[in-house]
Amino acid sequence: MTTRTKITGVALGAALAGSAALVPFTADTGADNAGRPGEVVLAESKDAVPSTTATDWISYGDHAAVVRVTAEHEGSADSEEVAAGEGYLSRTVDLQVKERVWSRSGAAALPTTLTIVADGWEFKGDTKSRVGSHDASRLEVGHDYLVSLAGFSDGEWSTLGTGGILPYDDSQVGQGEFEGETVTATAYRSTLQARLVTGNEQPLAYRSVGKSAADVKTFLTSATPNATAAQNYNLDAVARARLVAKAAQAAAAAADTFCRVAAPLATDEGSKYTSDELSDIVGDLAGMADTPLNAAILRAYSAQLRSSTDTTTWNESKVRLTSIARIESECGIEVGSLLPNDTADAE
C-alpha cells in the first residue's frame, strides 16, 4: 500500500489530492450539479491533515510552490463498480513547478515535475462527470495554482489538503480554477468570506486573495508552526498531525482537570478554607498547570500560604495576584482575593 493510498483511504472512491478523503456523492443535490456534461459533482471532503491556515502550511507542509497542471491521467475503477455500471474513476495530474515560494528547513528537495492524486470522475454507464470538493480547486489542466506540498517517507508527494491549493492564474491568488469552474479573484473572495469563522485564524486563501506568491511567502515566513509539529519534522505530515491532535486532546483533558480542582475556589461557591487547606488546593493546581512558569507561580503562592500566618505577607504577595489571573483566565471563574477565609485575621 502506497503512502498516497494510506492517506486518502480506499473506500468510497476517495482520491482527493493529498491528505483528504471524499465522502460519497451526497453533497449537492440540485439539478444544476447532477450529471450534465461539463458540470462538477461536488462532494464533502475530510482532510487528514490541517491545511487551511498559514500555521497549517508551515506545520505540515514541506514546500509552497507555484505549479501548472500539464496533464491528467485516468485510473481504473473498482471491479464491482464496473460490473454495476456506476462508480468512481481515479485521476492523477502532472505538475510542473514554476516557482518555489517557501521551503521548510530540512525538507527533502522538491522535484521540478511531479505526479499527484487529484479528484477524478463519477461514471454512470457511458456518462462521466467530474468530481470536485466543496471550497477547493480540482486541479485542471492548463491552470496555475499556489500549493502546499508534502513529501512522504516512500518518496511520494502530495498537496497538503483542500486548503492547500489556491487558484493562481495570471499570478494572482483567487484567479483561476475553483470547484471545477474558472472564477475571478472577487468571486473567490466572496465565497471564502461567507465561510469565515469568528475567532479562528483566517484561512491563508482568504488573506491572500488578489495577492502574489511573494505576499504568500511573507505570510508563511511570519507565521509560527504548531510546537508539537515543529518538534516532529522528522515525521511525515500525517504522523505529525496525529501527534498534534493527541497533544491537543491531552491538553484539553488537563485543562478540564485543572478547572475541576479550581472550581470550589470560585467566589459564588462560598467555600471556607484555612491557609493550609488553600495551600493544598493551590499546590494541586501547580501540579496540573499548563506551563512550567504557571506551575512555579502557583507553587510559590502555595508555599507562602503554608509558611506564614501573616496576612500582610499574603496581601502583598505578587504571586497571589498572578495566581488569581492564571486561574481566572484558564477556567473563566472569579476567585476573589484567593485568601484564606476561615481564619479570624483573613480579609
Protein backbone atom coordinates (compact mmCIF):
# COMPACT_ATOMS: atom_id res chain seq x y z
CA MET A 1 0.00 0.00 0.00
CA THR A 2 1.47 3.36 -1.02
CA THR A 3 1.60 6.47 1.12
CA ARG A 4 -0.99 8.04 -1.17
CA THR A 5 -3.42 5.16 -0.57
CA LYS A 6 -2.86 5.27 3.16
CA ILE A 7 -3.66 8.94 3.48
CA THR A 8 -6.61 9.07 1.12
CA GLY A 9 -8.26 5.82 2.05
CA VAL A 10 -9.60 3.20 -0.33
CA ALA A 11 -13.34 3.22 0.32
CA LEU A 12 -15.99 5.23 -1.46
CA GLY A 13 -13.82 6.21 -4.40
CA ALA A 14 -11.84 8.61 -2.24
CA ALA A 15 -8.98 10.15 -4.17
CA LEU A 16 -8.71 13.79 -3.31
CA ALA A 17 -5.24 15.26 -3.71
CA GLY A 18 -3.03 14.60 -0.75
CA SER A 19 -4.49 14.09 2.65
CA ALA A 20 -8.23 14.17 2.18
CA ALA A 21 -10.92 11.61 1.55
CA LEU A 22 -14.13 12.19 -0.35
CA VAL A 23 -17.44 11.25 1.17
CA PRO A 24 -19.70 9.64 -1.49
CA PHE A 25 -21.62 11.86 -3.82
CA THR A 26 -24.16 13.16 -1.33
CA ALA A 27 -23.41 16.87 -1.23
CA ASP A 28 -25.06 19.00 -3.90
CA THR A 29 -28.44 17.64 -4.99
CA GLY A 30 -29.59 20.49 -7.22
CA ALA A 31 -30.31 19.85 -10.88
CA ASP A 32 -27.53 22.23 -11.94
CA ASN A 33 -24.96 19.89 -10.42
CA ALA A 34 -26.26 16.49 -11.49
CA GLY A 35 -24.57 14.65 -14.32
CA ARG A 36 -24.69 17.23 -17.09
CA PRO A 37 -21.66 17.24 -19.42
CA GLY A 38 -19.02 19.60 -18.10
CA GLU A 39 -20.68 20.02 -14.74
CA VAL A 40 -18.94 19.08 -11.49
CA VAL A 41 -20.36 16.82 -8.80
CA LEU A 42 -19.25 18.48 -5.56
CA ALA A 43 -18.66 16.21 -2.59
CA GLU A 44 -17.71 16.86 1.01
CA SER A 45 -14.11 16.07 1.92
CA LYS A 46 -12.36 15.26 5.15
CA ASP A 47 -8.71 16.26 5.39
CA ALA A 48 -6.39 14.04 7.37
CA VAL A 49 -4.01 16.99 7.75
CA PRO A 50 -4.99 20.60 8.58
CA SER A 51 -4.31 22.74 5.52
CA THR A 52 -6.32 25.94 5.87
CA THR A 53 -4.09 28.49 7.60
CA ALA A 54 -0.53 29.76 7.29
CA THR A 55 0.15 27.93 10.56
CA ASP A 56 -1.06 24.70 8.94
CA TRP A 57 1.10 25.18 5.85
CA ILE A 58 4.33 25.61 7.82
CA SER A 59 3.42 22.97 10.43
CA TYR A 60 2.65 20.17 7.98
CA GLY A 61 3.82 21.26 4.54
CA ASP A 62 7.37 20.94 3.26
CA HIS A 63 7.21 23.40 0.36
CA ALA A 64 4.93 26.05 -1.10
CA ALA A 65 5.20 26.43 -4.85
CA VAL A 66 3.50 27.80 -7.94
CA VAL A 67 2.65 24.88 -10.23
CA ARG A 68 0.95 24.35 -13.56
CA VAL A 69 -1.14 21.28 -14.31
CA THR A 70 0.24 19.94 -17.59
CA ALA A 71 -1.64 16.65 -17.97
CA GLU A 72 -4.16 14.33 -16.33
CA HIS A 73 -4.39 10.54 -16.34
CA GLU A 74 -7.41 8.33 -15.77
CA GLY A 75 -7.06 5.43 -13.38
CA SER A 76 -9.05 2.23 -13.16
CA ALA A 77 -12.39 1.75 -11.45
CA ASP A 78 -13.21 -0.85 -8.83
CA SER A 79 -14.26 -4.13 -10.49
CA GLU A 80 -17.53 -4.24 -8.57
CA GLU A 81 -18.38 -0.71 -9.67
CA VAL A 82 -17.59 -1.59 -13.27
CA ALA A 83 -19.94 -4.56 -13.01
CA ALA A 84 -22.64 -2.32 -11.52
CA GLY A 85 -22.20 0.22 -14.29
CA GLU A 86 -21.52 3.14 -11.97
CA GLY A 87 -18.82 4.28 -9.60
CA TYR A 88 -15.65 6.34 -9.38
CA LEU A 89 -12.65 6.71 -11.67
CA SER A 90 -9.42 7.85 -10.05
CA ARG A 91 -7.23 10.55 -11.59
CA THR A 92 -3.65 11.70 -11.31
CA VAL A 93 -2.27 15.00 -12.61
CA ASP A 94 1.21 16.06 -13.70
CA LEU A 95 2.52 19.26 -12.15
CA GLN A 96 5.31 21.49 -13.42
CA VAL A 97 6.91 23.57 -10.66
CA LYS A 98 7.11 27.13 -11.97
CA GLU A 99 8.26 28.91 -8.81
CA ARG A 100 9.47 27.78 -5.39
CA VAL A 101 7.83 30.11 -2.86
CA TRP A 102 8.77 28.71 0.56
CA SER A 103 10.57 25.66 1.93
CA ARG A 104 10.77 24.20 5.40
CA SER A 105 14.29 23.88 6.74
CA GLY A 106 15.43 20.30 6.43
CA ALA A 107 12.72 19.27 3.96
CA ALA A 108 13.53 16.95 1.06
CA ALA A 109 14.23 18.76 -2.20
CA LEU A 110 11.17 19.47 -4.33
CA PRO A 111 11.30 17.94 -7.84
CA THR A 112 10.73 20.17 -10.86
CA THR A 113 7.90 17.90 -12.02
CA LEU A 114 5.70 15.52 -10.06
CA THR A 115 2.54 13.47 -10.37
CA ILE A 116 -0.09 13.50 -7.62
CA VAL A 117 -3.59 12.16 -6.96
CA ALA A 118 -6.45 14.57 -7.67
CA ASP A 119 -10.25 14.41 -7.78
CA GLY A 120 -11.45 12.11 -10.54
CA TRP A 121 -14.75 11.28 -12.20
CA GLU A 122 -18.09 9.71 -11.37
CA PHE A 123 -19.33 7.38 -14.08
CA LYS A 124 -22.82 6.06 -14.77
CA GLY A 125 -22.96 3.85 -17.82
CA ASP A 126 -21.20 5.71 -20.61
CA THR A 127 -21.59 9.11 -18.91
CA LYS A 128 -18.64 10.54 -16.98
CA SER A 129 -18.90 13.59 -14.70
CA ARG A 130 -16.10 15.44 -12.98
CA VAL A 131 -15.91 15.13 -9.20
CA GLY A 132 -14.73 18.05 -7.07
CA SER A 133 -14.66 19.11 -3.43
CA HIS A 134 -16.56 21.93 -1.81
CA ASP A 135 -14.39 25.02 -1.26
CA ALA A 136 -11.43 23.53 -3.14
CA SER A 137 -9.78 23.62 -6.52
CA ARG A 138 -9.95 20.46 -8.62
CA LEU A 139 -6.55 20.87 -10.36
CA GLU A 140 -7.48 21.26 -14.02
CA VAL A 141 -5.07 21.02 -16.95
CA GLY A 142 -3.75 24.38 -18.13
CA HIS A 143 -4.33 26.24 -14.86
CA ASP A 144 -1.78 27.55 -12.37
CA TYR A 145 -2.02 27.06 -8.61
CA LEU A 146 -0.12 28.08 -5.50
CA VAL A 147 0.04 24.91 -3.44
CA SER A 148 1.41 23.48 -0.22
CA LEU A 149 3.25 20.21 -0.90
CA ALA A 150 4.32 17.48 1.49
CA GLY A 151 6.80 14.68 0.86
CA PHE A 152 6.39 11.22 2.38
CA SER A 153 8.77 8.51 3.52
CA ASP A 154 8.20 6.40 0.39
CA GLY A 155 9.23 9.27 -1.86
CA GLU A 156 5.72 10.28 -2.95
CA TRP A 157 4.46 13.86 -2.94
CA SER A 158 1.01 15.27 -2.30
CA THR A 159 -0.78 18.55 -1.83
CA LEU A 160 -1.47 19.13 1.85
CA GLY A 161 -5.29 19.07 1.62
CA THR A 162 -8.25 21.02 0.32
CA GLY A 163 -6.97 24.26 1.86
CA GLY A 164 -3.52 23.76 0.38
CA ILE A 165 -4.48 24.53 -3.24
CA LEU A 166 -5.03 28.18 -4.23
CA PRO A 167 -6.04 29.30 -7.75
CA TYR A 168 -3.19 31.33 -9.23
CA ASP A 169 -3.79 32.16 -12.88
CA ASP A 170 -2.23 35.45 -14.03
CA SER A 171 -0.02 35.39 -10.89
CA GLN A 172 -2.93 36.38 -8.66
CA VAL A 173 -4.35 34.31 -5.81
CA GLY A 174 -8.05 33.65 -6.37
CA GLN A 175 -7.89 33.97 -10.13
CA GLY A 176 -8.40 30.67 -11.96
CA GLU A 177 -10.00 27.30 -11.31
CA PHE A 178 -12.07 26.72 -8.17
CA GLU A 179 -14.60 23.91 -7.63
CA GLY A 180 -14.06 22.95 -11.27
CA GLU A 181 -15.02 26.36 -12.66
CA THR A 182 -12.98 29.40 -13.68
CA VAL A 183 -13.53 32.25 -11.21
CA THR A 184 -12.35 35.80 -10.64
CA ALA A 185 -10.50 36.87 -7.51
CA THR A 186 -13.55 38.91 -6.48
CA ALA A 187 -15.88 35.92 -6.67
CA TYR A 188 -13.33 33.76 -4.87
CA ARG A 189 -13.06 36.30 -2.04
CA SER A 190 -16.85 36.45 -1.66
CA THR A 191 -17.12 32.68 -1.41
CA LEU A 192 -14.40 32.45 1.23
CA GLN A 193 -15.68 35.43 3.22
CA ALA A 194 -19.07 33.77 3.67
CA ARG A 195 -17.33 30.85 5.38
CA LEU A 196 -15.12 32.75 7.85
CA VAL A 197 -15.40 31.69 11.49
CA THR A 198 -15.05 34.48 14.05
CA GLY A 199 -12.21 33.86 16.47
CA ASN A 200 -10.33 31.41 14.25
CA GLU A 201 -7.13 32.18 12.36
CA GLN A 202 -8.17 33.41 8.93
CA PRO A 203 -7.59 30.94 6.08
CA LEU A 204 -4.46 31.65 4.09
CA ALA A 205 -6.59 31.60 0.93
CA TYR A 206 -8.72 34.49 2.21
CA ARG A 207 -5.73 36.51 3.44
CA SER A 208 -4.03 36.05 0.07
CA VAL A 209 -6.84 36.86 -2.38
CA GLY A 210 -5.62 39.25 -5.04
CA LYS A 211 -2.03 38.96 -3.82
CA SER A 212 1.11 37.43 -5.29
CA ALA A 213 3.32 34.50 -4.36
CA ALA A 214 5.70 36.95 -2.71
CA ASP A 215 2.91 38.06 -0.37
CA VAL A 216 2.10 34.45 0.50
CA LYS A 217 5.78 33.87 1.27
CA THR A 218 5.62 36.79 3.72
CA PHE A 219 2.60 35.27 5.44
CA LEU A 220 4.38 31.94 5.75
CA THR A 221 7.71 33.26 6.99
CA SER A 222 6.00 35.39 9.63
CA ALA A 223 3.82 32.53 10.94
CA THR A 224 4.74 30.26 13.85
CA PRO A 225 4.36 26.49 13.44
CA ASN A 226 2.49 24.33 15.91
CA ALA A 227 5.04 23.43 18.60
CA THR A 228 4.32 19.70 18.53
CA ALA A 229 4.53 19.60 14.74
CA ALA A 230 7.81 21.50 14.77
CA GLN A 231 9.27 19.03 17.26
CA ASN A 232 8.42 16.17 14.89
CA TYR A 233 9.54 17.44 11.49
CA ASN A 234 11.34 14.12 11.03
CA LEU A 235 7.90 12.53 10.58
CA ASP A 236 5.63 12.99 7.60
CA ALA A 237 2.61 15.30 7.62
CA VAL A 238 0.02 12.71 8.59
CA ALA A 239 2.09 11.41 11.51
CA ARG A 240 2.72 14.97 12.68
CA ALA A 241 -0.99 15.79 12.54
CA ARG A 242 -1.83 12.73 14.63
CA LEU A 243 0.65 13.77 17.30
CA VAL A 244 -0.72 17.32 17.31
CA ALA A 245 -4.27 16.03 17.73
CA LYS A 246 -3.15 13.73 20.55
CA ALA A 247 -1.37 16.61 22.31
CA ALA A 248 -4.45 18.82 21.94
CA GLN A 249 -6.64 16.14 23.47
CA ALA A 250 -4.23 15.73 26.37
CA ALA A 251 -4.12 19.49 26.92
CA ALA A 252 -7.90 19.70 26.91
CA ALA A 253 -8.13 16.87 29.44
CA ALA A 254 -5.53 18.56 31.64
CA ALA A 255 -7.34 21.90 31.47
CA ASP A 256 -10.59 20.19 32.39
CA THR A 257 -8.96 18.54 35.41
CA PHE A 258 -7.28 21.81 36.44
CA CYS A 259 -10.57 23.67 36.33
CA ARG A 260 -12.49 20.99 38.18
CA VAL A 261 -9.98 21.26 41.04
CA ALA A 262 -10.17 25.07 40.92
CA ALA A 263 -13.98 25.19 40.78
CA PRO A 264 -14.55 25.26 44.59
CA LEU A 265 -12.39 28.41 44.79
CA ALA A 266 -15.00 30.41 42.86
CA THR A 267 -16.46 33.21 44.95
CA ASP A 268 -20.03 32.08 44.24
CA GLU A 269 -19.26 28.70 45.83
CA GLY A 270 -18.94 30.30 49.27
CA SER A 271 -16.30 27.78 50.34
CA LYS A 272 -14.28 28.33 53.55
CA TYR A 273 -10.61 27.45 53.66
CA THR A 274 -7.84 27.73 56.23
CA SER A 275 -4.42 28.77 54.97
CA ASP A 276 -3.25 25.13 54.98
CA GLU A 277 -6.31 23.94 53.09
CA LEU A 278 -5.97 26.68 50.50
CA SER A 279 -2.26 25.89 50.21
CA ASP A 280 -3.13 22.27 49.41
CA ILE A 281 -5.53 23.26 46.62
CA VAL A 282 -3.14 25.78 45.07
CA GLY A 283 -0.35 23.20 45.31
CA ASP A 284 -2.52 20.65 43.49
CA LEU A 285 -3.20 23.22 40.77
CA ALA A 286 0.54 23.80 40.41
CA GLY A 287 0.94 20.13 39.55
CA MET A 288 -1.63 20.46 36.76
CA ALA A 289 -0.53 23.82 35.33
CA ASP A 290 -0.17 24.11 31.55
CA THR A 291 3.30 25.67 31.61
CA PRO A 292 6.35 25.47 33.90
CA LEU A 293 6.01 29.20 34.63
CA ASN A 294 2.41 28.88 35.79
CA ALA A 295 3.35 25.85 37.88
CA ALA A 296 6.17 27.81 39.55
CA ILE A 297 3.87 30.77 40.33
CA LEU A 298 1.18 28.61 41.89
CA ARG A 299 3.75 26.57 43.80
CA ALA A 300 5.29 29.76 45.21
CA TYR A 301 1.94 31.03 46.50
CA SER A 302 1.14 27.62 47.97
CA ALA A 303 4.44 27.78 49.87
CA GLN A 304 3.65 31.29 51.16
CA LEU A 305 0.28 30.13 52.48
CA ARG A 306 1.95 27.21 54.23
CA SER A 307 4.93 29.01 55.69
CA SER A 308 3.35 32.21 57.03
CA THR A 309 0.30 33.25 59.02
CA ASP A 310 0.97 36.94 58.40
CA THR A 311 -1.94 38.32 56.39
CA THR A 312 0.24 41.24 55.28
CA THR A 313 2.55 38.81 53.52
CA TRP A 314 -0.39 37.27 51.70
CA ASN A 315 -1.96 40.62 50.84
CA GLU A 316 1.27 41.99 49.35
CA SER A 317 2.15 38.80 47.52
CA LYS A 318 2.70 39.31 43.79
CA VAL A 319 2.47 35.58 43.15
CA ARG A 320 -1.01 35.64 44.73
CA LEU A 321 -2.18 38.23 42.20
CA THR A 322 -0.60 36.33 39.33
CA SER A 323 -2.15 33.08 40.57
CA ILE A 324 -5.57 34.72 40.53
CA ALA A 325 -5.05 35.88 36.95
CA ARG A 326 -3.89 32.43 35.80
CA ILE A 327 -6.81 30.56 37.39
CA GLU A 328 -9.45 33.02 36.24
CA SER A 329 -8.07 33.15 32.71
CA GLU A 330 -7.85 29.36 32.38
CA CYS A 331 -11.19 28.49 33.92
CA GLY A 332 -13.40 31.53 33.41
CA ILE A 333 -14.31 31.85 37.10
CA GLU A 334 -13.81 34.58 39.70
CA VAL A 335 -11.78 33.56 42.74
CA GLY A 336 -11.82 36.91 44.51
CA SER A 337 -8.75 37.65 46.62
CA LEU A 338 -7.69 33.98 46.82
CA LEU A 339 -7.02 34.40 50.55
CA PRO A 340 -7.85 32.07 53.42
CA ASN A 341 -11.41 32.83 54.50
CA ASP A 342 -11.77 30.58 57.55
CA THR A 343 -9.40 32.45 59.84
CA ALA A 344 -10.11 35.36 62.16
CA ASP A 345 -7.46 37.61 60.61
CA ALA A 346 -8.23 36.91 56.91
CA GLU A 347 -9.74 39.57 54.64
